[in-house]
Amino acid sequence: YLNKRAVFLTFHSVYVSIQGKSKFVCGQPNCNKEWPYVEVRKMALLTPEEREYFESTMALNTAREYFNSKTCPGCNFSVTRKNESNLSVRCQICTERKGKPYEFCWQCLKEWKGSQPRTDRCDNDGCFNEALKTLRTCPEILFESVKNVRGCPSIRACPNCGSLLEHTSKKCKNLLCPRCRVEFCFVCLKVTSNCLKTSTHYQPCSDGVAPRQTSIPVWHQ
């Protein structure tokens, strides 16, 4: 049985695959059964307003995924960041409307405060990168299948697309990213094909454990 609350939770777990398709999976524990959107829409008895909300948000998610865009807090239009090394982004629409430069923070989505360019945060209260905090504070794991590996974080950012992935100690050290479909070594952060040139799935890496990541890779599709 799928009620509207379940649909809402499922909707917020939607992701866009490399083929550009939106995928819905069951939100129940230990169930990853895929639901066609048409079936989700039918079973949830969505009103026309709810259907418009779901489909417009899906389109927005796709734009954010493929065009690296976010919603400007000043005008609510989608803005694309051209300089990935600067958190300060200028909205041309707001700049024209206000008659002066209008910039917002790509990270906290508030009007920009402070000097620039900046890569870590702006001067707004509460502006910080949650993903980097997770990478910095996540606990370490002890691989059961790979001996003599110490100090490996339990969460890594995919070195290809930047998605945060968690590893369980019961598997081999390599992991397939569900977003970009690139397999990499969780220990040394090399693509699996390169890691296996000097080790195996169940042997320590020749370069040892890569340090905790301090930046999130950007996926250049």
N, C-alpha and C. Protein backbone atom coordinates (compact mmCIF):
# COMPACT_ATOMS: atom_id res chain seq x y z
N TYR A 1 0.86 -1.19 0.00
CA TYR A 1 0.00 0.00 0.00
C TYR A 1 0.89 1.23 0.00
N LEU A 2 0.58 2.20 -0.80
CA LEU A 2 1.40 3.40 -0.95
C LEU A 2 0.52 4.61 -0.72
N ASN A 3 0.70 5.28 0.41
CA ASN A 3 -0.06 6.50 0.64
C ASN A 3 0.72 7.72 0.23
N LYS A 4 0.12 8.91 0.39
CA LYS A 4 0.78 10.12 -0.10
C LYS A 4 2.04 10.42 0.70
N ARG A 5 2.05 10.08 1.98
CA ARG A 5 3.25 10.31 2.77
C ARG A 5 4.41 9.46 2.25
N ALA A 6 4.11 8.20 1.90
CA ALA A 6 5.15 7.33 1.36
C ALA A 6 5.67 7.86 0.04
N VAL A 7 4.74 8.36 -0.78
CA VAL A 7 5.14 8.93 -2.07
C VAL A 7 6.04 10.14 -1.84
N PHE A 8 5.67 10.96 -0.86
CA PHE A 8 6.47 12.15 -0.58
C PHE A 8 7.89 11.77 -0.19
N LEU A 9 8.03 10.77 0.68
CA LEU A 9 9.36 10.32 1.09
C LEU A 9 10.12 9.73 -0.08
N THR A 10 9.41 8.95 -0.90
CA THR A 10 10.06 8.36 -2.06
C THR A 10 10.51 9.43 -3.03
N PHE A 11 9.66 10.43 -3.21
CA PHE A 11 9.98 11.50 -4.15
C PHE A 11 11.27 12.21 -3.77
N HIS A 12 11.47 12.42 -2.48
CA HIS A 12 12.66 13.15 -2.06
C HIS A 12 13.91 12.28 -2.11
N SER A 13 13.78 11.01 -2.42
CA SER A 13 14.96 10.17 -2.61
C SER A 13 15.23 9.93 -4.09
N VAL A 14 14.50 10.65 -4.96
CA VAL A 14 14.68 10.45 -6.39
C VAL A 14 16.06 10.93 -6.81
N TYR A 15 16.67 10.23 -7.77
CA TYR A 15 17.94 10.68 -8.31
C TYR A 15 17.90 10.56 -9.82
N VAL A 16 18.77 11.27 -10.48
CA VAL A 16 18.85 11.24 -11.93
C VAL A 16 20.04 10.42 -12.33
N SER A 17 19.83 9.39 -13.09
CA SER A 17 20.91 8.51 -13.50
C SER A 17 21.65 9.12 -14.68
N ILE A 18 22.71 8.49 -15.11
CA ILE A 18 23.50 9.02 -16.21
C ILE A 18 22.74 8.94 -17.52
N GLN A 19 21.67 8.17 -17.56
CA GLN A 19 20.86 8.14 -18.76
C GLN A 19 19.80 9.23 -18.74
N GLY A 20 19.75 10.00 -17.66
CA GLY A 20 18.79 11.10 -17.57
C GLY A 20 17.41 10.66 -17.15
N LYS A 21 17.26 9.50 -16.54
CA LYS A 21 15.97 9.00 -16.13
C LYS A 21 15.80 9.17 -14.62
N SER A 22 14.61 9.60 -14.21
CA SER A 22 14.31 9.71 -12.79
C SER A 22 13.89 8.35 -12.28
N LYS A 23 14.40 7.98 -11.12
CA LYS A 23 14.12 6.66 -10.58
C LYS A 23 13.54 6.77 -9.19
N PHE A 24 12.42 6.08 -8.95
CA PHE A 24 11.79 6.04 -7.64
C PHE A 24 11.96 4.65 -7.06
N VAL A 25 12.36 4.60 -5.79
CA VAL A 25 12.47 3.31 -5.13
C VAL A 25 11.63 3.32 -3.87
N CYS A 26 11.23 2.15 -3.43
CA CYS A 26 10.41 2.01 -2.23
C CYS A 26 11.17 2.54 -1.02
N GLY A 27 10.47 3.29 -0.18
CA GLY A 27 11.11 3.85 1.00
C GLY A 27 11.11 2.95 2.20
N GLN A 28 10.55 1.74 2.09
CA GLN A 28 10.52 0.82 3.22
C GLN A 28 11.90 0.22 3.45
N PRO A 29 12.23 -0.11 4.72
CA PRO A 29 13.54 -0.69 5.02
C PRO A 29 13.79 -1.98 4.24
N ASN A 30 15.01 -2.12 3.75
CA ASN A 30 15.46 -3.33 3.04
C ASN A 30 14.66 -3.62 1.77
N CYS A 31 14.08 -2.58 1.19
CA CYS A 31 13.34 -2.78 -0.06
C CYS A 31 13.75 -1.71 -1.05
N ASN A 32 14.34 -2.12 -2.14
CA ASN A 32 14.77 -1.17 -3.17
C ASN A 32 14.00 -1.36 -4.47
N LYS A 33 12.78 -1.88 -4.35
CA LYS A 33 11.97 -2.10 -5.54
C LYS A 33 11.68 -0.77 -6.23
N GLU A 34 11.89 -0.77 -7.56
CA GLU A 34 11.69 0.45 -8.33
C GLU A 34 10.22 0.61 -8.70
N TRP A 35 9.74 1.85 -8.60
CA TRP A 35 8.36 2.16 -8.95
C TRP A 35 8.35 3.07 -10.17
N PRO A 36 7.61 2.74 -11.22
CA PRO A 36 7.43 3.66 -12.34
C PRO A 36 6.68 4.89 -11.85
N TYR A 37 7.05 6.05 -12.35
CA TYR A 37 6.39 7.28 -11.89
C TYR A 37 4.90 7.24 -12.19
N VAL A 38 4.52 6.68 -13.31
CA VAL A 38 3.09 6.59 -13.65
C VAL A 38 2.34 5.81 -12.58
N GLU A 39 2.97 4.74 -12.07
CA GLU A 39 2.34 3.92 -11.03
C GLU A 39 2.29 4.68 -9.71
N VAL A 40 3.37 5.39 -9.40
CA VAL A 40 3.40 6.21 -8.18
C VAL A 40 2.29 7.25 -8.21
N ARG A 41 2.16 7.91 -9.34
CA ARG A 41 1.15 8.95 -9.49
C ARG A 41 -0.26 8.39 -9.34
N LYS A 42 -0.47 7.20 -9.88
CA LYS A 42 -1.79 6.58 -9.84
C LYS A 42 -2.13 6.09 -8.43
N MET A 43 -1.19 5.39 -7.79
CA MET A 43 -1.46 4.82 -6.47
C MET A 43 -1.61 5.89 -5.40
N ALA A 44 -0.94 7.02 -5.58
CA ALA A 44 -1.01 8.07 -4.57
C ALA A 44 -2.22 8.98 -4.75
N LEU A 45 -2.96 8.79 -5.85
CA LEU A 45 -4.15 9.60 -6.12
C LEU A 45 -3.81 11.09 -6.07
N LEU A 46 -2.76 11.46 -6.79
CA LEU A 46 -2.31 12.84 -6.77
C LEU A 46 -3.33 13.79 -7.39
N THR A 47 -3.51 14.93 -6.75
CA THR A 47 -4.36 15.96 -7.32
C THR A 47 -3.59 16.63 -8.46
N PRO A 48 -4.27 17.38 -9.33
CA PRO A 48 -3.54 18.08 -10.40
C PRO A 48 -2.46 19.00 -9.85
N GLU A 49 -2.72 19.65 -8.71
CA GLU A 49 -1.72 20.54 -8.12
C GLU A 49 -0.51 19.74 -7.63
N GLU A 50 -0.76 18.59 -6.98
CA GLU A 50 0.35 17.77 -6.49
C GLU A 50 1.15 17.19 -7.65
N ARG A 51 0.44 16.79 -8.69
CA ARG A 51 1.12 16.25 -9.86
C ARG A 51 2.01 17.31 -10.50
N GLU A 52 1.51 18.55 -10.59
CA GLU A 52 2.31 19.64 -11.16
C GLU A 52 3.54 19.89 -10.30
N TYR A 53 3.37 19.82 -8.95
CA TYR A 53 4.49 20.04 -8.04
C TYR A 53 5.56 18.97 -8.23
N PHE A 54 5.15 17.71 -8.25
CA PHE A 54 6.09 16.61 -8.41
C PHE A 54 6.86 16.74 -9.71
N GLU A 55 6.16 16.96 -10.79
CA GLU A 55 6.80 16.95 -12.11
C GLU A 55 7.67 18.18 -12.32
N SER A 56 7.27 19.33 -11.80
CA SER A 56 8.11 20.52 -11.93
C SER A 56 9.37 20.38 -11.09
N THR A 57 9.25 19.75 -9.91
CA THR A 57 10.42 19.56 -9.07
C THR A 57 11.36 18.53 -9.68
N MET A 58 10.82 17.51 -10.32
CA MET A 58 11.66 16.55 -11.02
C MET A 58 12.46 17.23 -12.12
N ALA A 59 11.79 18.13 -12.84
CA ALA A 59 12.49 18.87 -13.90
C ALA A 59 13.58 19.76 -13.32
N LEU A 60 13.29 20.38 -12.16
CA LEU A 60 14.29 21.22 -11.51
C LEU A 60 15.48 20.40 -11.04
N ASN A 61 15.22 19.20 -10.49
CA ASN A 61 16.31 18.32 -10.07
C ASN A 61 17.19 17.94 -11.24
N THR A 62 16.57 17.69 -12.38
CA THR A 62 17.34 17.33 -13.57
C THR A 62 18.22 18.49 -14.00
N ALA A 63 17.68 19.70 -13.96
CA ALA A 63 18.46 20.88 -14.33
C ALA A 63 19.63 21.07 -13.39
N ARG A 64 19.39 20.87 -12.10
CA ARG A 64 20.47 21.02 -11.13
C ARG A 64 21.56 19.98 -11.36
N GLU A 65 21.14 18.77 -11.72
CA GLU A 65 22.09 17.67 -11.91
C GLU A 65 22.95 17.87 -13.14
N TYR A 66 22.34 18.25 -14.23
CA TYR A 66 23.04 18.27 -15.50
C TYR A 66 23.64 19.63 -15.85
N PHE A 67 23.08 20.70 -15.30
CA PHE A 67 23.58 22.01 -15.66
C PHE A 67 24.18 22.75 -14.47
N ASN A 68 24.36 22.05 -13.35
CA ASN A 68 24.99 22.61 -12.17
C ASN A 68 24.35 23.95 -11.81
N SER A 69 23.04 23.93 -11.65
CA SER A 69 22.30 25.15 -11.37
C SER A 69 21.60 25.08 -10.02
N LYS A 70 21.34 26.26 -9.44
CA LYS A 70 20.59 26.37 -8.19
C LYS A 70 19.63 27.54 -8.31
N THR A 71 18.71 27.62 -7.35
CA THR A 71 17.70 28.66 -7.38
C THR A 71 18.19 29.90 -6.66
N CYS A 72 18.16 31.02 -7.34
CA CYS A 72 18.58 32.29 -6.75
C CYS A 72 17.60 32.67 -5.64
N PRO A 73 18.09 33.03 -4.44
CA PRO A 73 17.19 33.41 -3.35
C PRO A 73 16.50 34.75 -3.58
N GLY A 74 17.00 35.54 -4.54
CA GLY A 74 16.40 36.84 -4.79
C GLY A 74 15.23 36.81 -5.73
N CYS A 75 15.31 35.96 -6.77
CA CYS A 75 14.25 35.96 -7.79
C CYS A 75 13.64 34.58 -8.03
N ASN A 76 14.25 33.53 -7.43
CA ASN A 76 13.77 32.15 -7.57
C ASN A 76 13.94 31.59 -8.97
N PHE A 77 14.78 32.22 -9.78
CA PHE A 77 15.11 31.68 -11.08
C PHE A 77 16.34 30.78 -10.96
N SER A 78 16.45 29.84 -11.89
CA SER A 78 17.59 28.91 -11.89
C SER A 78 18.83 29.63 -12.42
N VAL A 79 19.93 29.51 -11.66
CA VAL A 79 21.19 30.18 -12.01
C VAL A 79 22.29 29.13 -12.12
N THR A 80 23.12 29.23 -13.15
CA THR A 80 24.23 28.31 -13.36
C THR A 80 25.53 28.96 -12.90
N ARG A 81 26.33 28.20 -12.18
CA ARG A 81 27.62 28.71 -11.72
C ARG A 81 28.69 28.43 -12.76
N LYS A 82 29.37 29.47 -13.21
CA LYS A 82 30.41 29.31 -14.22
C LYS A 82 31.78 29.05 -13.60
N ASN A 83 32.04 29.69 -12.46
CA ASN A 83 33.34 29.54 -11.78
C ASN A 83 33.16 28.62 -10.58
N GLU A 84 33.59 27.38 -10.70
CA GLU A 84 33.39 26.40 -9.63
C GLU A 84 34.33 26.61 -8.45
N SER A 85 35.28 27.52 -8.56
CA SER A 85 36.21 27.79 -7.47
C SER A 85 35.77 28.98 -6.62
N ASN A 86 34.61 29.55 -6.91
CA ASN A 86 34.12 30.70 -6.16
C ASN A 86 32.68 30.45 -5.74
N LEU A 87 32.41 30.57 -4.43
CA LEU A 87 31.06 30.35 -3.92
C LEU A 87 30.13 31.53 -4.21
N SER A 88 30.69 32.68 -4.51
CA SER A 88 29.87 33.84 -4.81
C SER A 88 29.42 33.80 -6.26
N VAL A 89 28.10 33.86 -6.46
CA VAL A 89 27.53 33.75 -7.79
C VAL A 89 26.64 34.97 -8.06
N ARG A 90 26.84 35.60 -9.20
CA ARG A 90 26.04 36.76 -9.56
C ARG A 90 24.81 36.35 -10.35
N CYS A 91 23.66 36.85 -9.92
CA CYS A 91 22.41 36.63 -10.65
C CYS A 91 22.17 37.83 -11.56
N GLN A 92 22.14 37.59 -12.85
CA GLN A 92 21.97 38.68 -13.80
C GLN A 92 20.57 39.29 -13.73
N ILE A 93 19.58 38.46 -13.43
CA ILE A 93 18.21 38.97 -13.36
C ILE A 93 18.06 39.94 -12.19
N CYS A 94 18.53 39.53 -11.00
CA CYS A 94 18.45 40.41 -9.83
C CYS A 94 19.32 41.66 -10.01
N THR A 95 20.47 41.48 -10.64
CA THR A 95 21.36 42.62 -10.88
C THR A 95 20.67 43.67 -11.74
N GLU A 96 19.97 43.22 -12.76
CA GLU A 96 19.26 44.15 -13.64
C GLU A 96 18.07 44.78 -12.92
N ARG A 97 17.35 43.98 -12.14
CA ARG A 97 16.17 44.51 -11.45
C ARG A 97 16.55 45.54 -10.39
N LYS A 98 17.63 45.27 -9.66
CA LYS A 98 18.03 46.14 -8.55
C LYS A 98 18.91 47.30 -8.99
N GLY A 99 19.44 47.21 -10.21
CA GLY A 99 20.30 48.26 -10.70
C GLY A 99 21.68 48.26 -10.08
N LYS A 100 22.06 47.17 -9.45
CA LYS A 100 23.39 47.02 -8.85
C LYS A 100 23.71 45.52 -8.77
N PRO A 101 24.98 45.18 -8.65
CA PRO A 101 25.35 43.75 -8.62
C PRO A 101 24.68 43.02 -7.45
N TYR A 102 24.07 41.88 -7.77
CA TYR A 102 23.46 41.03 -6.74
C TYR A 102 24.12 39.66 -6.80
N GLU A 103 24.72 39.26 -5.69
CA GLU A 103 25.39 37.97 -5.61
C GLU A 103 24.87 37.18 -4.43
N PHE A 104 24.83 35.87 -4.58
CA PHE A 104 24.41 35.01 -3.48
C PHE A 104 25.41 33.88 -3.29
N CYS A 105 25.33 33.26 -2.13
CA CYS A 105 26.25 32.18 -1.80
C CYS A 105 25.74 30.86 -2.36
N TRP A 106 26.56 30.18 -3.12
CA TRP A 106 26.19 28.90 -3.73
C TRP A 106 25.97 27.82 -2.68
N GLN A 107 26.54 28.03 -1.50
CA GLN A 107 26.48 27.01 -0.45
C GLN A 107 25.28 27.17 0.46
N CYS A 108 25.06 28.36 1.01
CA CYS A 108 23.94 28.54 1.94
C CYS A 108 22.73 29.17 1.28
N LEU A 109 22.87 29.61 0.01
CA LEU A 109 21.78 30.20 -0.77
C LEU A 109 21.18 31.43 -0.10
N LYS A 110 22.07 32.27 0.46
CA LYS A 110 21.67 33.56 1.00
C LYS A 110 22.44 34.65 0.24
N GLU A 111 21.93 35.89 0.33
CA GLU A 111 22.65 36.98 -0.32
C GLU A 111 24.07 37.03 0.22
N TRP A 112 25.02 37.23 -0.68
CA TRP A 112 26.44 37.11 -0.32
C TRP A 112 26.87 38.16 0.71
N LYS A 113 27.67 37.70 1.68
CA LYS A 113 28.31 38.58 2.66
C LYS A 113 29.79 38.24 2.71
N GLY A 114 30.62 39.27 2.77
CA GLY A 114 32.04 39.04 2.92
C GLY A 114 32.81 39.26 1.63
N SER A 115 34.11 39.02 1.73
CA SER A 115 34.99 39.20 0.58
C SER A 115 34.87 38.01 -0.38
N GLN A 116 35.44 38.14 -1.53
CA GLN A 116 35.46 37.06 -2.51
C GLN A 116 36.70 37.21 -3.40
N PRO A 117 37.12 36.17 -4.09
CA PRO A 117 36.48 34.84 -4.15
C PRO A 117 36.73 34.02 -2.89
N ARG A 118 35.80 33.13 -2.60
CA ARG A 118 35.90 32.24 -1.44
C ARG A 118 35.50 30.83 -1.87
N THR A 119 36.16 29.86 -1.34
CA THR A 119 35.87 28.47 -1.69
C THR A 119 35.31 27.67 -0.51
N ASP A 120 35.36 28.26 0.73
CA ASP A 120 34.93 27.50 1.90
C ASP A 120 33.56 27.92 2.42
N ARG A 121 33.35 29.25 2.58
CA ARG A 121 32.09 29.75 3.11
C ARG A 121 32.03 31.25 2.93
N CYS A 122 30.79 31.81 3.08
CA CYS A 122 30.63 33.26 3.10
C CYS A 122 30.52 33.69 4.56
N ASP A 123 30.20 34.95 4.81
CA ASP A 123 30.14 35.45 6.19
C ASP A 123 28.75 35.37 6.79
N ASN A 124 27.80 34.73 6.11
CA ASN A 124 26.48 34.52 6.71
C ASN A 124 26.58 33.49 7.83
N ASP A 125 25.80 33.70 8.89
CA ASP A 125 25.78 32.73 9.99
C ASP A 125 25.25 31.40 9.49
N GLY A 126 25.89 30.34 9.91
CA GLY A 126 25.44 29.00 9.55
C GLY A 126 25.86 28.52 8.19
N CYS A 127 26.73 29.27 7.51
CA CYS A 127 27.19 28.83 6.19
C CYS A 127 28.35 27.87 6.34
N PHE A 128 28.12 26.64 6.04
CA PHE A 128 29.18 25.64 6.05
C PHE A 128 28.78 24.50 5.13
N ASN A 129 29.76 23.75 4.71
CA ASN A 129 29.53 22.64 3.80
C ASN A 129 29.24 21.38 4.59
N GLU A 130 27.99 20.93 4.57
CA GLU A 130 27.59 19.75 5.35
C GLU A 130 28.32 18.51 4.89
N ALA A 131 28.54 18.40 3.57
CA ALA A 131 29.21 17.21 3.04
C ALA A 131 30.66 17.14 3.54
N LEU A 132 31.35 18.29 3.54
CA LEU A 132 32.73 18.30 4.02
C LEU A 132 32.79 18.00 5.51
N LYS A 133 31.80 18.48 6.26
CA LYS A 133 31.75 18.17 7.69
C LYS A 133 31.59 16.67 7.90
N THR A 134 30.74 16.04 7.07
CA THR A 134 30.55 14.59 7.17
C THR A 134 31.83 13.84 6.88
N LEU A 135 32.55 14.26 5.84
CA LEU A 135 33.81 13.61 5.48
C LEU A 135 34.85 13.78 6.58
N ARG A 136 34.80 14.92 7.26
CA ARG A 136 35.79 15.22 8.29
C ARG A 136 35.51 14.49 9.60
N THR A 137 34.24 14.22 9.91
CA THR A 137 33.89 13.69 11.23
C THR A 137 33.39 12.25 11.23
N CYS A 138 33.21 11.64 10.06
CA CYS A 138 32.68 10.27 10.03
C CYS A 138 33.66 9.31 10.70
N PRO A 139 33.16 8.25 11.32
CA PRO A 139 34.06 7.29 11.99
C PRO A 139 34.87 6.48 10.99
N GLU A 140 35.90 5.85 11.49
CA GLU A 140 36.71 4.98 10.65
C GLU A 140 36.11 3.58 10.62
N ILE A 141 36.48 2.80 9.60
CA ILE A 141 36.02 1.42 9.53
C ILE A 141 37.22 0.48 9.50
N LEU A 142 36.99 -0.71 9.98
CA LEU A 142 38.01 -1.76 9.95
C LEU A 142 37.52 -2.84 9.01
N PHE A 143 38.16 -2.95 7.85
CA PHE A 143 37.72 -3.92 6.85
C PHE A 143 37.90 -5.34 7.36
N GLU A 144 36.83 -6.12 7.29
CA GLU A 144 36.90 -7.52 7.68
C GLU A 144 37.53 -8.38 6.59
N SER A 145 37.41 -7.91 5.33
CA SER A 145 37.89 -8.72 4.20
C SER A 145 39.28 -8.30 3.73
N VAL A 146 39.79 -7.18 4.24
CA VAL A 146 41.11 -6.68 3.83
C VAL A 146 41.94 -6.46 5.09
N LYS A 147 42.96 -7.23 5.26
CA LYS A 147 43.77 -7.13 6.47
C LYS A 147 44.73 -5.94 6.39
N ASN A 148 45.12 -5.49 7.58
CA ASN A 148 46.15 -4.46 7.74
C ASN A 148 45.79 -3.11 7.10
N VAL A 149 44.49 -2.80 7.06
CA VAL A 149 44.05 -1.48 6.61
C VAL A 149 43.51 -0.74 7.82
N ARG A 150 44.15 0.35 8.17
CA ARG A 150 43.78 1.12 9.35
C ARG A 150 43.56 2.58 8.96
N GLY A 151 42.62 3.22 9.65
CA GLY A 151 42.40 4.64 9.46
C GLY A 151 41.61 5.03 8.24
N CYS A 152 40.83 4.13 7.68
CA CYS A 152 40.03 4.45 6.50
C CYS A 152 38.67 5.02 6.92
N PRO A 153 38.30 6.20 6.45
CA PRO A 153 36.98 6.75 6.80
C PRO A 153 35.85 5.87 6.27
N SER A 154 34.73 5.88 6.97
CA SER A 154 33.60 5.05 6.55
C SER A 154 32.78 5.71 5.45
N ILE A 155 33.00 6.99 5.21
CA ILE A 155 32.29 7.72 4.15
C ILE A 155 33.31 8.42 3.27
N ARG A 156 33.13 8.27 1.96
CA ARG A 156 34.00 8.92 0.99
C ARG A 156 33.13 9.64 -0.05
N ALA A 157 33.73 10.67 -0.67
CA ALA A 157 33.09 11.29 -1.83
C ALA A 157 33.62 10.60 -3.07
N CYS A 158 32.72 10.16 -3.93
CA CYS A 158 33.15 9.50 -5.16
C CYS A 158 34.15 10.40 -5.88
N PRO A 159 35.33 9.88 -6.22
CA PRO A 159 36.35 10.71 -6.87
C PRO A 159 35.97 11.18 -8.26
N ASN A 160 34.89 10.64 -8.82
CA ASN A 160 34.47 11.04 -10.15
C ASN A 160 33.33 12.07 -10.12
N CYS A 161 32.30 11.83 -9.31
CA CYS A 161 31.13 12.72 -9.34
C CYS A 161 30.88 13.44 -8.03
N GLY A 162 31.55 13.04 -6.94
CA GLY A 162 31.40 13.74 -5.68
C GLY A 162 30.29 13.24 -4.78
N SER A 163 29.53 12.22 -5.18
CA SER A 163 28.48 11.69 -4.32
C SER A 163 29.07 11.08 -3.05
N LEU A 164 28.45 11.33 -1.90
CA LEU A 164 28.92 10.74 -0.65
C LEU A 164 28.41 9.31 -0.53
N LEU A 165 29.34 8.39 -0.31
CA LEU A 165 29.01 6.97 -0.24
C LEU A 165 29.57 6.39 1.05
N GLU A 166 28.80 5.49 1.65
CA GLU A 166 29.23 4.81 2.87
C GLU A 166 29.59 3.37 2.56
N HIS A 167 30.65 2.88 3.17
CA HIS A 167 31.11 1.51 2.93
C HIS A 167 30.89 0.66 4.17
N THR A 168 30.54 -0.59 3.96
CA THR A 168 30.44 -1.53 5.07
C THR A 168 31.70 -2.38 5.10
N SER A 169 32.11 -2.78 6.26
CA SER A 169 33.38 -3.49 6.42
C SER A 169 33.32 -4.93 5.93
N LYS A 170 32.13 -5.42 5.58
CA LYS A 170 32.00 -6.83 5.19
C LYS A 170 32.28 -7.07 3.71
N LYS A 171 32.42 -6.01 2.94
CA LYS A 171 32.64 -6.17 1.52
C LYS A 171 34.09 -5.93 1.17
N CYS A 172 34.44 -6.16 -0.11
CA CYS A 172 35.79 -5.85 -0.56
C CYS A 172 35.97 -4.33 -0.55
N LYS A 173 37.17 -3.88 -0.80
CA LYS A 173 37.47 -2.46 -0.64
C LYS A 173 36.95 -1.59 -1.78
N ASN A 174 36.46 -2.18 -2.87
CA ASN A 174 35.99 -1.41 -4.02
C ASN A 174 34.48 -1.22 -3.98
N LEU A 175 34.05 -0.11 -4.56
CA LEU A 175 32.63 0.25 -4.52
C LEU A 175 32.22 0.85 -5.85
N LEU A 176 31.01 0.49 -6.31
CA LEU A 176 30.45 1.04 -7.54
C LEU A 176 29.53 2.19 -7.19
N CYS A 177 29.85 3.38 -7.70
CA CYS A 177 29.01 4.55 -7.42
C CYS A 177 27.68 4.41 -8.17
N PRO A 178 26.55 4.47 -7.47
CA PRO A 178 25.25 4.33 -8.15
C PRO A 178 24.88 5.52 -9.00
N ARG A 179 25.57 6.63 -8.80
CA ARG A 179 25.24 7.84 -9.57
C ARG A 179 25.95 7.88 -10.91
N CYS A 180 27.27 7.74 -10.91
CA CYS A 180 28.02 7.86 -12.16
C CYS A 180 28.49 6.52 -12.71
N ARG A 181 28.26 5.44 -11.94
CA ARG A 181 28.60 4.07 -12.36
C ARG A 181 30.10 3.86 -12.51
N VAL A 182 30.91 4.61 -11.78
CA VAL A 182 32.35 4.41 -11.77
C VAL A 182 32.72 3.61 -10.52
N GLU A 183 33.52 2.58 -10.69
CA GLU A 183 33.96 1.77 -9.56
C GLU A 183 35.32 2.27 -9.09
N PHE A 184 35.46 2.47 -7.80
CA PHE A 184 36.71 2.97 -7.26
C PHE A 184 37.05 2.27 -5.95
N CYS A 185 38.29 2.40 -5.54
CA CYS A 185 38.76 1.80 -4.30
C CYS A 185 38.48 2.76 -3.15
N PHE A 186 37.82 2.27 -2.12
CA PHE A 186 37.45 3.09 -0.98
C PHE A 186 38.66 3.44 -0.12
N VAL A 187 39.73 2.69 -0.27
CA VAL A 187 40.91 2.90 0.56
C VAL A 187 41.84 3.95 -0.05
N CYS A 188 42.25 3.74 -1.30
CA CYS A 188 43.22 4.66 -1.93
C CYS A 188 42.56 5.69 -2.83
N LEU A 189 41.24 5.55 -3.09
CA LEU A 189 40.46 6.47 -3.91
C LEU A 189 40.85 6.46 -5.39
N LYS A 190 41.54 5.43 -5.82
CA LYS A 190 41.84 5.29 -7.24
C LYS A 190 40.70 4.55 -7.93
N VAL A 191 40.55 4.78 -9.24
CA VAL A 191 39.62 3.97 -10.01
C VAL A 191 40.06 2.51 -9.88
N THR A 192 39.11 1.60 -9.76
CA THR A 192 39.42 0.20 -9.47
C THR A 192 40.45 -0.39 -10.43
N SER A 193 40.31 -0.09 -11.72
CA SER A 193 41.24 -0.65 -12.70
C SER A 193 42.68 -0.23 -12.41
N ASN A 194 42.88 0.97 -11.90
CA ASN A 194 44.23 1.42 -11.56
C ASN A 194 44.70 0.83 -10.24
N CYS A 195 43.79 0.72 -9.28
CA CYS A 195 44.15 0.14 -7.98
C CYS A 195 44.58 -1.32 -8.13
N LEU A 196 43.88 -2.05 -9.00
CA LEU A 196 44.16 -3.48 -9.15
C LEU A 196 45.45 -3.77 -9.92
N LYS A 197 46.11 -2.73 -10.40
CA LYS A 197 47.39 -2.95 -11.07
C LYS A 197 48.47 -3.35 -10.08
N THR A 198 48.30 -2.97 -8.82
CA THR A 198 49.32 -3.25 -7.82
C THR A 198 48.78 -3.98 -6.60
N SER A 199 47.48 -4.34 -6.61
CA SER A 199 46.90 -5.09 -5.48
C SER A 199 45.69 -5.86 -5.99
N THR A 200 44.90 -6.42 -5.06
CA THR A 200 43.67 -7.12 -5.42
C THR A 200 42.52 -6.50 -4.63
N HIS A 201 41.31 -7.03 -4.85
CA HIS A 201 40.15 -6.52 -4.13
C HIS A 201 40.28 -6.70 -2.62
N TYR A 202 41.08 -7.69 -2.22
CA TYR A 202 41.15 -8.03 -0.80
C TYR A 202 42.55 -7.89 -0.22
N GLN A 203 43.39 -7.08 -0.88
CA GLN A 203 44.73 -6.81 -0.38
C GLN A 203 44.91 -5.31 -0.16
N PRO A 204 45.77 -4.93 0.78
CA PRO A 204 46.02 -3.49 1.02
C PRO A 204 46.54 -2.82 -0.25
N CYS A 205 46.24 -1.54 -0.39
CA CYS A 205 46.68 -0.78 -1.55
C CYS A 205 48.16 -0.44 -1.44
N SER A 206 48.83 -0.40 -2.56
CA SER A 206 50.27 -0.12 -2.55
C SER A 206 50.55 1.31 -2.06
N ASP A 207 49.61 2.24 -2.29
CA ASP A 207 49.79 3.62 -1.85
C ASP A 207 49.20 3.88 -0.46
N GLY A 208 48.68 2.84 0.18
CA GLY A 208 48.12 3.01 1.51
C GLY A 208 46.75 3.67 1.50
N VAL A 209 46.34 4.16 2.68
CA VAL A 209 45.03 4.78 2.83
C VAL A 209 45.09 6.26 2.46
N ALA A 210 44.25 6.67 1.53
CA ALA A 210 44.19 8.08 1.16
C ALA A 210 43.65 8.89 2.33
N PRO A 211 44.18 10.09 2.57
CA PRO A 211 43.70 10.91 3.69
C PRO A 211 42.24 11.32 3.50
N ARG A 212 41.65 11.80 4.57
CA ARG A 212 40.27 12.29 4.49
C ARG A 212 40.19 13.41 3.45
N GLN A 213 39.13 13.38 2.67
CA GLN A 213 38.98 14.38 1.61
C GLN A 213 38.59 15.74 2.19
N THR A 214 39.16 16.77 1.64
CA THR A 214 38.89 18.14 2.08
C THR A 214 38.18 18.96 1.00
N SER A 215 37.83 18.33 -0.09
CA SER A 215 37.06 18.99 -1.16
C SER A 215 36.19 17.94 -1.82
N ILE A 216 35.11 18.39 -2.46
CA ILE A 216 34.17 17.51 -3.12
C ILE A 216 34.40 17.59 -4.63
N PRO A 217 34.74 16.45 -5.27
CA PRO A 217 34.93 16.47 -6.73
C PRO A 217 33.66 16.92 -7.45
N VAL A 218 33.82 17.63 -8.55
CA VAL A 218 32.70 18.09 -9.37
C VAL A 218 32.60 17.19 -10.59
N TRP A 219 31.39 16.73 -10.87
CA TRP A 219 31.18 15.81 -12.00
C TRP A 219 31.08 16.60 -13.29
N HIS A 220 32.04 16.45 -14.17
CA HIS A 220 32.01 17.08 -15.48
C HIS A 220 31.45 16.07 -16.49
N GLN A 221 30.13 16.13 -16.71
CA GLN A 221 29.48 15.14 -17.57
C GLN A 221 29.73 15.45 -19.04
